[in-house]
Amino acid sequence: MSRTCDVCGKAPLYGCKVSKTYNHTKRTWRPNLLKVKTELSGRTMTLNVCTRCLRSGFVEKKVRVPKATPAAAN
C-alpha cells in the first residue's frame, strides 16, 4: 500500500526526533490514511484517503445497506 492520499497527495514526512539532550534520531511522520469505499462516476472504488479529506467532505463514503432477510420481513 502506498502511503499517499489519493485525493490530496499527502505523503510521509521525514525528519529528526530531538531528545532533551539534543540527540537526533531519524523518524517518520505518516498521514492518517483510511481505506474508503466510494463511488466515482458510477463505479465503486476503494481509495486511500486521509482523515482530513474525509472530514472536509472531498470524498463521500459509500454506505452499505444490508439485505433484508425473510425472518426480518415478518
Protein backbone atom coordinates (compact mmCIF):
# COMPACT_ATOMS: atom_id res chain seq x y z
CA MET A 1 0.00 0.00 0.00
CA SER A 2 1.43 3.35 -0.95
CA ARG A 3 1.29 5.77 1.94
CA THR A 4 -0.17 8.70 0.00
CA CYS A 5 -3.68 10.11 -0.02
CA ASP A 6 -5.42 9.54 -3.37
CA VAL A 7 -7.28 12.86 -3.06
CA CYS A 8 -4.77 15.46 -1.84
CA GLY A 9 -1.47 13.60 -2.31
CA LYS A 10 -0.40 13.88 1.32
CA ALA A 11 2.67 11.65 1.87
CA PRO A 12 5.05 10.81 4.73
CA LEU A 13 7.38 13.49 6.06
CA TYR A 14 10.89 12.69 7.29
CA GLY A 15 12.89 14.43 9.96
CA CYS A 16 14.65 14.03 13.26
CA LYS A 17 13.34 13.37 16.73
CA VAL A 18 15.30 15.64 19.09
CA SER A 19 15.68 14.49 22.69
CA LYS A 20 16.18 16.67 25.76
CA THR A 21 19.93 16.08 25.48
CA TYR A 22 19.73 17.19 21.82
CA ASN A 23 20.39 13.72 20.37
CA HIS A 24 18.99 13.42 16.85
CA THR A 25 17.24 10.24 15.73
CA LYS A 26 15.63 9.83 12.33
CA ARG A 27 11.87 9.35 12.33
CA THR A 28 8.84 9.44 10.02
CA TRP A 29 5.51 11.24 10.30
CA ARG A 30 2.89 9.25 8.40
CA PRO A 31 -0.50 10.56 7.31
CA ASN A 32 -3.59 9.06 8.90
CA LEU A 33 -4.94 7.04 5.94
CA LEU A 34 -8.13 5.00 5.73
CA LYS A 35 -9.33 2.65 3.01
CA VAL A 36 -12.71 4.04 1.99
CA LYS A 37 -15.21 2.63 -0.49
CA THR A 38 -16.61 5.48 -2.56
CA GLU A 39 -18.50 5.93 -5.79
CA LEU A 40 -16.78 7.87 -8.58
CA SER A 41 -18.58 8.37 -11.90
CA GLY A 42 -20.89 5.44 -11.24
CA ARG A 43 -18.16 2.96 -10.26
CA THR A 44 -17.40 1.73 -6.75
CA MET A 45 -13.73 2.17 -5.90
CA THR A 46 -11.59 1.72 -2.81
CA LEU A 47 -9.35 4.72 -2.19
CA ASN A 48 -6.68 5.54 0.39
CA VAL A 49 -7.97 8.78 1.88
CA CYS A 50 -6.53 10.85 4.70
CA THR A 51 -8.92 11.69 7.51
CA ARG A 52 -8.69 15.42 6.75
CA CYS A 53 -10.10 14.87 3.23
CA LEU A 54 -12.80 12.58 4.60
CA ARG A 55 -13.80 15.09 7.26
CA SER A 56 -13.76 18.01 4.82
CA GLY A 57 -16.19 16.22 2.52
CA PHE A 58 -13.93 15.76 -0.50
CA VAL A 59 -14.98 12.09 -0.54
CA GLU A 60 -18.36 10.59 0.30
CA LYS A 61 -18.32 7.16 1.94
CA LYS A 62 -20.48 4.61 0.21
CA VAL A 63 -22.96 3.32 2.75
CA ARG A 64 -23.63 -0.40 2.65
CA VAL A 65 -27.27 -1.33 3.17
CA PRO A 66 -27.75 -4.89 4.43
CA LYS A 67 -30.13 -7.12 2.50
CA ALA A 68 -33.44 -7.88 4.16
CA THR A 69 -33.79 -11.46 5.40
CA PRO A 70 -37.12 -13.31 5.32
CA ALA A 71 -37.19 -13.52 9.14
CA ALA A 72 -36.82 -9.74 9.48
CA ALA A 73 -39.64 -9.07 6.99
CA ASN A 74 -42.27 -10.52 9.36
